[in-house]
Amino acid sequence: MFRADPETLRTVDRALELARDLGHPRTGSEHLLLALTSLVGHESAIREAVQKAAPHGAGAAADREALATLGIDLDQLLSGIRLDQPPAKEPFFPLGAAKARERCARLSPPLGLDAQAAYEASLRFALARRERTHRPEHLALILVTLDPGVAWTLDTANVNRLALAHHLARTFPPPRRNPLLRLERRLGSTIRHRDLTTRYQRTTGRTPVSSVAAFIAD
């Protein structure tokens, strides 16, 4: 039976606490990363980068840099706009997605769409690998591999993102229970990865920075 490791839920609680302690108005993917420094390391450098991302968050910081090359001022665009507005239409499954978004918006500080999308993607990632437990390393791998805000945070902290992703993948490989399981996982990795990234992009409006397909199958 698939279950959630309580430590994964505690990671979200730590991220909320870190955002509150730093005086940030939202809890973003960068705060989840900071809450996972026991796995990813570089706590001091990541904390400094997270501070630089405030108040709009690391995802907006990454957007700002990308749009600046086109001569677009993101801060002007964001003026008067409420961040983290959920998609106009949630997918039918999973059931209760809209209510979950409302609960996340009521947290203190609110859990941003980037953090929500990363958490959901990490759950789907664990299922795609045919894991029995949703653990913090799944969240760490998704954040480092997919999330543009975390990519900006790591770049600002002078941390090699791809090297970190491969280190996490080597440290936490998919289970090797039997040849049939490994074959099924390999055959299904492409479609499961596409579903995972499509849902992430729909929620955040951002394109993942790289693929996690290679980390699903061994």
C-alpha atoms as a PDB file:
ATOM      1  CA  MET A   1       0.000   0.000   0.000  1.00  0.00           C
ATOM      2  CA  PHE A   2       1.312   3.455  -0.939  1.00  0.00           C
ATOM      3  CA  ARG A   3       1.707   5.877   1.953  1.00  0.00           C
ATOM      4  CA  ALA A   4       3.205   9.256   2.794  1.00  0.00           C
ATOM      5  CA  ASP A   5       6.294   9.448   4.960  1.00  0.00           C
ATOM      6  CA  PRO A   6       5.445  11.824   7.858  1.00  0.00           C
ATOM      7  CA  GLU A   7       8.802  13.499   7.253  1.00  0.00           C
ATOM      8  CA  THR A   8       7.554  14.652   3.832  1.00  0.00           C
ATOM      9  CA  LEU A   9       4.650  16.466   5.477  1.00  0.00           C
ATOM     10  CA  ARG A  10       7.007  17.878   8.108  1.00  0.00           C
ATOM     11  CA  THR A  11       9.101  19.300   5.254  1.00  0.00           C
ATOM     12  CA  VAL A  12       6.123  21.413   4.175  1.00  0.00           C
ATOM     13  CA  ASP A  13       5.601  22.528   7.777  1.00  0.00           C
ATOM     14  CA  ARG A  14       9.276  23.524   8.006  1.00  0.00           C
ATOM     15  CA  ALA A  15       8.998  25.465   4.745  1.00  0.00           C
ATOM     16  CA  LEU A  16       6.008  27.398   6.117  1.00  0.00           C
ATOM     17  CA  GLU A  17       7.916  28.104   9.332  1.00  0.00           C
ATOM     18  CA  LEU A  18      10.991  29.276   7.418  1.00  0.00           C
ATOM     19  CA  ALA A  19       8.896  31.638   5.297  1.00  0.00           C
ATOM     20  CA  ARG A  20       7.278  33.066   8.445  1.00  0.00           C
ATOM     21  CA  ASP A  21      10.631  33.487  10.193  1.00  0.00           C
ATOM     22  CA  LEU A  22      12.060  35.276   7.156  1.00  0.00           C
ATOM     23  CA  GLY A  23       9.021  37.566   6.988  1.00  0.00           C
ATOM     24  CA  HIS A  24       8.081  36.455   3.484  1.00  0.00           C
ATOM     25  CA  PRO A  25       4.467  36.876   2.309  1.00  0.00           C
ATOM     26  CA  ARG A  26       4.267  33.473   0.586  1.00  0.00           C
ATOM     27  CA  THR A  27       5.812  30.018   0.854  1.00  0.00           C
ATOM     28  CA  GLY A  28       7.387  29.096  -2.463  1.00  0.00           C
ATOM     29  CA  SER A  29       9.389  26.270  -3.936  1.00  0.00           C
ATOM     30  CA  GLU A  30      12.563  27.969  -2.671  1.00  0.00           C
ATOM     31  CA  HIS A  31      11.363  27.556   0.923  1.00  0.00           C
ATOM     32  CA  LEU A  32      10.756  23.844   0.300  1.00  0.00           C
ATOM     33  CA  LEU A  33      14.332  23.618  -0.973  1.00  0.00           C
ATOM     34  CA  LEU A  34      15.607  25.414   2.124  1.00  0.00           C
ATOM     35  CA  ALA A  35      13.642  22.957   4.278  1.00  0.00           C
ATOM     36  CA  LEU A  36      15.439  20.097   2.489  1.00  0.00           C
ATOM     37  CA  THR A  37      19.030  21.243   2.981  1.00  0.00           C
ATOM     38  CA  SER A  38      19.683  18.140   5.089  1.00  0.00           C
ATOM     39  CA  LEU A  39      19.485  16.324   1.732  1.00  0.00           C
ATOM     40  CA  VAL A  40      20.762  18.921  -0.723  1.00  0.00           C
ATOM     41  CA  GLY A  41      23.314  20.737   1.463  1.00  0.00           C
ATOM     42  CA  HIS A  42      24.497  24.357   0.934  1.00  0.00           C
ATOM     43  CA  GLU A  43      22.148  25.692   3.613  1.00  0.00           C
ATOM     44  CA  SER A  44      23.834  29.077   4.128  1.00  0.00           C
ATOM     45  CA  ALA A  45      24.114  29.884   0.400  1.00  0.00           C
ATOM     46  CA  ILE A  46      20.547  28.737  -0.315  1.00  0.00           C
ATOM     47  CA  ARG A  47      19.170  30.768   2.596  1.00  0.00           C
ATOM     48  CA  GLU A  48      20.893  33.880   1.237  1.00  0.00           C
ATOM     49  CA  ALA A  49      19.448  33.251  -2.234  1.00  0.00           C
ATOM     50  CA  VAL A  50      15.962  32.731  -0.775  1.00  0.00           C
ATOM     51  CA  GLN A  51      16.249  36.110   0.935  1.00  0.00           C
ATOM     52  CA  LYS A  52      17.109  37.745  -2.381  1.00  0.00           C
ATOM     53  CA  ALA A  53      14.001  36.242  -4.014  1.00  0.00           C
ATOM     54  CA  ALA A  54      11.556  38.000  -1.672  1.00  0.00           C
ATOM     55  CA  PRO A  55       8.874  39.233  -1.788  1.00  0.00           C
ATOM     56  CA  HIS A  56       7.497  37.673  -4.992  1.00  0.00           C
ATOM     57  CA  GLY A  57       9.543  34.478  -4.765  1.00  0.00           C
ATOM     58  CA  ALA A  58      12.205  32.667  -6.740  1.00  0.00           C
ATOM     59  CA  GLY A  59       9.855  31.736  -9.574  1.00  0.00           C
ATOM     60  CA  ALA A  60       9.129  35.416 -10.183  1.00  0.00           C
ATOM     61  CA  ALA A  61      12.857  36.168  -9.943  1.00  0.00           C
ATOM     62  CA  ALA A  62      13.505  33.625 -12.703  1.00  0.00           C
ATOM     63  CA  ASP A  63      10.661  35.145 -14.754  1.00  0.00           C
ATOM     64  CA  ARG A  64      12.101  38.637 -14.188  1.00  0.00           C
ATOM     65  CA  GLU A  65      15.488  37.648 -15.598  1.00  0.00           C
ATOM     66  CA  ALA A  66      13.954  35.896 -18.606  1.00  0.00           C
ATOM     67  CA  LEU A  67      11.641  38.818 -19.430  1.00  0.00           C
ATOM     68  CA  ALA A  68      14.378  41.424 -18.931  1.00  0.00           C
ATOM     69  CA  THR A  69      16.166  40.031 -21.983  1.00  0.00           C
ATOM     70  CA  LEU A  70      13.033  40.984 -23.961  1.00  0.00           C
ATOM     71  CA  GLY A  71      12.905  44.458 -22.442  1.00  0.00           C
ATOM     72  CA  ILE A  72       9.883  43.643 -20.271  1.00  0.00           C
ATOM     73  CA  ASP A  73       9.682  44.875 -16.679  1.00  0.00           C
ATOM     74  CA  LEU A  74       8.032  42.128 -14.629  1.00  0.00           C
ATOM     75  CA  ASP A  75       7.560  44.350 -11.585  1.00  0.00           C
ATOM     76  CA  GLN A  76       5.343  46.670 -13.630  1.00  0.00           C
ATOM     77  CA  LEU A  77       3.321  43.690 -14.827  1.00  0.00           C
ATOM     78  CA  LEU A  78       2.879  42.421 -11.268  1.00  0.00           C
ATOM     79  CA  SER A  79       1.716  45.778  -9.948  1.00  0.00           C
ATOM     80  CA  GLY A  80      -1.797  45.297  -8.594  1.00  0.00           C
ATOM     81  CA  ILE A  81      -1.916  41.615  -9.551  1.00  0.00           C
ATOM     82  CA  ARG A  82      -2.535  38.942  -6.928  1.00  0.00           C
ATOM     83  CA  LEU A  83       0.046  36.178  -7.108  1.00  0.00           C
ATOM     84  CA  ASP A  84      -0.770  32.475  -7.009  1.00  0.00           C
ATOM     85  CA  GLN A  85      -4.159  32.611  -8.669  1.00  0.00           C
ATOM     86  CA  PRO A  86      -5.146  28.987  -9.345  1.00  0.00           C
ATOM     87  CA  PRO A  87      -6.000  27.753 -12.833  1.00  0.00           C
ATOM     88  CA  ALA A  88      -9.443  28.804 -14.026  1.00  0.00           C
ATOM     89  CA  LYS A  89     -10.407  25.157 -14.443  1.00  0.00           C
ATOM     90  CA  GLU A  90      -8.901  22.377 -12.364  1.00  0.00           C
ATOM     91  CA  PRO A  91      -8.586  18.875 -13.867  1.00  0.00           C
ATOM     92  CA  PHE A  92     -11.400  16.498 -12.852  1.00  0.00           C
ATOM     93  CA  PHE A  93      -8.876  14.232 -11.112  1.00  0.00           C
ATOM     94  CA  PRO A  94      -7.720  14.282  -8.432  1.00  0.00           C
ATOM     95  CA  LEU A  95     -11.040  14.994  -6.781  1.00  0.00           C
ATOM     96  CA  GLY A  96     -11.008  17.923  -4.377  1.00  0.00           C
ATOM     97  CA  ALA A  97      -8.169  19.819  -6.083  1.00  0.00           C
ATOM     98  CA  ALA A  98      -9.997  23.160  -5.879  1.00  0.00           C
ATOM     99  CA  LYS A  99     -10.644  22.758  -2.147  1.00  0.00           C
ATOM    100  CA  ALA A 100      -7.000  21.806  -1.606  1.00  0.00           C
ATOM    101  CA  ARG A 101      -5.950  25.052  -3.333  1.00  0.00           C
ATOM    102  CA  GLU A 102      -8.250  26.987  -1.002  1.00  0.00           C
ATOM    103  CA  ARG A 103      -6.682  25.328   2.052  1.00  0.00           C
ATOM    104  CA  CYS A 104      -3.197  26.164   0.782  1.00  0.00           C
ATOM    105  CA  ALA A 105      -4.254  29.801   0.317  1.00  0.00           C
ATOM    106  CA  ARG A 106      -5.389  29.954   3.970  1.00  0.00           C
ATOM    107  CA  LEU A 107      -2.047  28.809   5.361  1.00  0.00           C
ATOM    108  CA  SER A 108       0.267  31.304   7.022  1.00  0.00           C
ATOM    109  CA  PRO A 109       1.926  32.391   4.844  1.00  0.00           C
ATOM    110  CA  PRO A 110       0.010  30.941   1.873  1.00  0.00           C
ATOM    111  CA  LEU A 111       1.563  27.993   0.051  1.00  0.00           C
ATOM    112  CA  GLY A 112       2.365  29.186  -3.463  1.00  0.00           C
ATOM    113  CA  LEU A 113       1.288  27.404  -6.629  1.00  0.00           C
ATOM    114  CA  ASP A 114       4.920  26.559  -7.395  1.00  0.00           C
ATOM    115  CA  ALA A 115       5.286  24.762  -4.068  1.00  0.00           C
ATOM    116  CA  GLN A 116       1.935  23.007  -4.524  1.00  0.00           C
ATOM    117  CA  ALA A 117       2.843  21.882  -8.030  1.00  0.00           C
ATOM    118  CA  ALA A 118       6.236  20.589  -6.913  1.00  0.00           C
ATOM    119  CA  TYR A 119       4.687  18.611  -4.070  1.00  0.00           C
ATOM    120  CA  GLU A 120       2.075  17.072  -6.391  1.00  0.00           C
ATOM    121  CA  ALA A 121       4.741  16.266  -8.991  1.00  0.00           C
ATOM    122  CA  SER A 122       6.894  14.567  -6.347  1.00  0.00           C
ATOM    123  CA  LEU A 123       3.936  12.392  -5.372  1.00  0.00           C
ATOM    124  CA  ARG A 124       3.383  11.393  -8.992  1.00  0.00           C
ATOM    125  CA  PHE A 125       7.122  10.837  -9.364  1.00  0.00           C
ATOM    126  CA  ALA A 126       7.133   8.387  -6.447  1.00  0.00           C
ATOM    127  CA  LEU A 127       4.142   6.558  -7.938  1.00  0.00           C
ATOM    128  CA  ALA A 128       5.805   6.434 -11.374  1.00  0.00           C
ATOM    129  CA  ARG A 129       8.871   4.787  -9.799  1.00  0.00           C
ATOM    130  CA  ARG A 130       6.558   2.270  -8.133  1.00  0.00           C
ATOM    131  CA  GLU A 131       7.725   3.334  -4.702  1.00  0.00           C
ATOM    132  CA  ARG A 132       5.758   2.312  -1.629  1.00  0.00           C
ATOM    133  CA  THR A 133       6.326   5.579   0.251  1.00  0.00           C
ATOM    134  CA  HIS A 134       6.319   9.259  -0.731  1.00  0.00           C
ATOM    135  CA  ARG A 135       9.542  10.544   0.831  1.00  0.00           C
ATOM    136  CA  PRO A 136      11.443  13.852   1.081  1.00  0.00           C
ATOM    137  CA  GLU A 137      14.007  12.754  -1.523  1.00  0.00           C
ATOM    138  CA  HIS A 138      11.229  12.586  -4.128  1.00  0.00           C
ATOM    139  CA  LEU A 139      10.381  16.210  -3.400  1.00  0.00           C
ATOM    140  CA  ALA A 140      14.065  17.182  -3.513  1.00  0.00           C
ATOM    141  CA  LEU A 141      14.577  15.512  -6.895  1.00  0.00           C
ATOM    142  CA  ILE A 142      11.516  17.191  -8.399  1.00  0.00           C
ATOM    143  CA  LEU A 143      12.457  20.627  -7.072  1.00  0.00           C
ATOM    144  CA  VAL A 144      16.037  20.442  -8.321  1.00  0.00           C
ATOM    145  CA  THR A 145      15.103  18.956 -11.686  1.00  0.00           C
ATOM    146  CA  LEU A 146      11.854  20.702 -12.678  1.00  0.00           C
ATOM    147  CA  ASP A 147      11.322  23.977 -10.876  1.00  0.00           C
ATOM    148  CA  PRO A 148      12.546  27.246 -12.496  1.00  0.00           C
ATOM    149  CA  GLY A 149      12.475  29.051  -9.146  1.00  0.00           C
ATOM    150  CA  VAL A 150      14.698  26.448  -7.541  1.00  0.00           C
ATOM    151  CA  ALA A 151      16.978  26.589 -10.598  1.00  0.00           C
ATOM    152  CA  TRP A 152      17.292  30.354 -10.040  1.00  0.00           C
ATOM    153  CA  THR A 153      17.913  29.824  -6.317  1.00  0.00           C
ATOM    154  CA  LEU A 154      20.670  27.272  -6.913  1.00  0.00           C
ATOM    155  CA  ASP A 155      22.268  29.422  -9.612  1.00  0.00           C
ATOM    156  CA  THR A 156      22.226  32.421  -7.270  1.00  0.00           C
ATOM    157  CA  ALA A 157      23.753  30.224  -4.549  1.00  0.00           C
ATOM    158  CA  ASN A 158      26.468  29.030  -7.016  1.00  0.00           C
ATOM    159  CA  VAL A 159      25.323  25.415  -6.722  1.00  0.00           C
ATOM    160  CA  ASN A 160      25.586  23.181  -9.800  1.00  0.00           C
ATOM    161  CA  ARG A 161      21.967  22.110 -10.283  1.00  0.00           C
ATOM    162  CA  LEU A 162      22.537  19.211 -12.667  1.00  0.00           C
ATOM    163  CA  ALA A 163      25.363  17.785 -10.553  1.00  0.00           C
ATOM    164  CA  LEU A 164      23.097  17.989  -7.500  1.00  0.00           C
ATOM    165  CA  ALA A 165      20.247  16.264  -9.379  1.00  0.00           C
ATOM    166  CA  HIS A 166      22.485  13.396 -10.442  1.00  0.00           C
ATOM    167  CA  HIS A 167      23.887  13.093  -6.914  1.00  0.00           C
ATOM    168  CA  LEU A 168      20.364  12.788  -5.509  1.00  0.00           C
ATOM    169  CA  ALA A 169      19.426  10.263  -8.207  1.00  0.00           C
ATOM    170  CA  ARG A 170      22.469   8.109  -7.391  1.00  0.00           C
ATOM    171  CA  THR A 171      21.833   8.352  -3.663  1.00  0.00           C
ATOM    172  CA  PHE A 172      18.127   7.531  -3.982  1.00  0.00           C
ATOM    173  CA  PRO A 173      17.671   5.174  -6.961  1.00  0.00           C
ATOM    174  CA  PRO A 174      14.309   3.591  -7.833  1.00  0.00           C
ATOM    175  CA  PRO A 175      13.522   0.276  -6.110  1.00  0.00           C
ATOM    176  CA  ARG A 176      14.877  -2.879  -7.740  1.00  0.00           C
ATOM    177  CA  ARG A 177      12.363  -5.418  -6.502  1.00  0.00           C
ATOM    178  CA  ASN A 178      12.088  -7.690  -9.567  1.00  0.00           C
ATOM    179  CA  PRO A 179      12.758  -7.693 -13.347  1.00  0.00           C
ATOM    180  CA  LEU A 180       9.042  -7.428 -14.229  1.00  0.00           C
ATOM    181  CA  LEU A 181       8.638  -4.299 -12.116  1.00  0.00           C
ATOM    182  CA  ARG A 182      11.681  -2.710 -13.723  1.00  0.00           C
ATOM    183  CA  LEU A 183      10.433  -3.504 -17.226  1.00  0.00           C
ATOM    184  CA  GLU A 184       6.955  -2.113 -16.523  1.00  0.00           C
ATOM    185  CA  ARG A 185       8.461   1.046 -15.055  1.00  0.00           C
ATOM    186  CA  ARG A 186      10.751   1.521 -18.049  1.00  0.00           C
ATOM    187  CA  LEU A 187       7.921   1.054 -20.565  1.00  0.00           C
ATOM    188  CA  GLY A 188       5.637   3.478 -18.753  1.00  0.00           C
ATOM    189  CA  SER A 189       8.205   6.143 -17.863  1.00  0.00           C
ATOM    190  CA  THR A 190       7.570   8.372 -20.902  1.00  0.00           C
ATOM    191  CA  ILE A 191       3.798   8.723 -20.500  1.00  0.00           C
ATOM    192  CA  ARG A 192       4.035   9.106 -16.715  1.00  0.00           C
ATOM    193  CA  HIS A 193       6.682  11.769 -17.090  1.00  0.00           C
ATOM    194  CA  ARG A 194       4.537  13.607 -19.650  1.00  0.00           C
ATOM    195  CA  ASP A 195       1.539  13.553 -17.299  1.00  0.00           C
ATOM    196  CA  LEU A 196       3.675  14.774 -14.396  1.00  0.00           C
ATOM    197  CA  THR A 197       5.199  17.693 -16.301  1.00  0.00           C
ATOM    198  CA  THR A 198       1.924  18.668 -18.015  1.00  0.00           C
ATOM    199  CA  ARG A 199       0.176  18.992 -14.669  1.00  0.00           C
ATOM    200  CA  TYR A 200       3.123  20.938 -13.240  1.00  0.00           C
ATOM    201  CA  GLN A 201       3.064  23.366 -16.172  1.00  0.00           C
ATOM    202  CA  ARG A 202      -0.729  23.781 -16.019  1.00  0.00           C
ATOM    203  CA  THR A 203      -0.580  24.716 -12.334  1.00  0.00           C
ATOM    204  CA  THR A 204       2.427  27.064 -12.437  1.00  0.00           C
ATOM    205  CA  GLY A 205       2.295  28.419 -15.980  1.00  0.00           C
ATOM    206  CA  ARG A 206       6.034  27.717 -16.172  1.00  0.00           C
ATOM    207  CA  THR A 207       7.997  25.299 -18.311  1.00  0.00           C
ATOM    208  CA  PRO A 208      10.075  22.743 -16.360  1.00  0.00           C
ATOM    209  CA  VAL A 209      13.795  23.426 -16.670  1.00  0.00           C
ATOM    210  CA  SER A 210      14.727  19.784 -17.330  1.00  0.00           C
ATOM    211  CA  SER A 211      13.368  16.242 -17.422  1.00  0.00           C
ATOM    212  CA  VAL A 212      13.041  13.701 -14.625  1.00  0.00           C
ATOM    213  CA  ALA A 213      12.248  10.828 -17.023  1.00  0.00           C
ATOM    214  CA  ALA A 214      15.719   9.334 -16.622  1.00  0.00           C
ATOM    215  CA  PHE A 215      15.219   9.156 -12.850  1.00  0.00           C
ATOM    216  CA  ILE A 216      11.942   7.205 -13.032  1.00  0.00           C
ATOM    217  CA  ALA A 217      13.368   3.971 -14.437  1.00  0.00           C
ATOM    218  CA  ASP A 218      16.688   2.309 -13.608  1.00  0.00           C
END
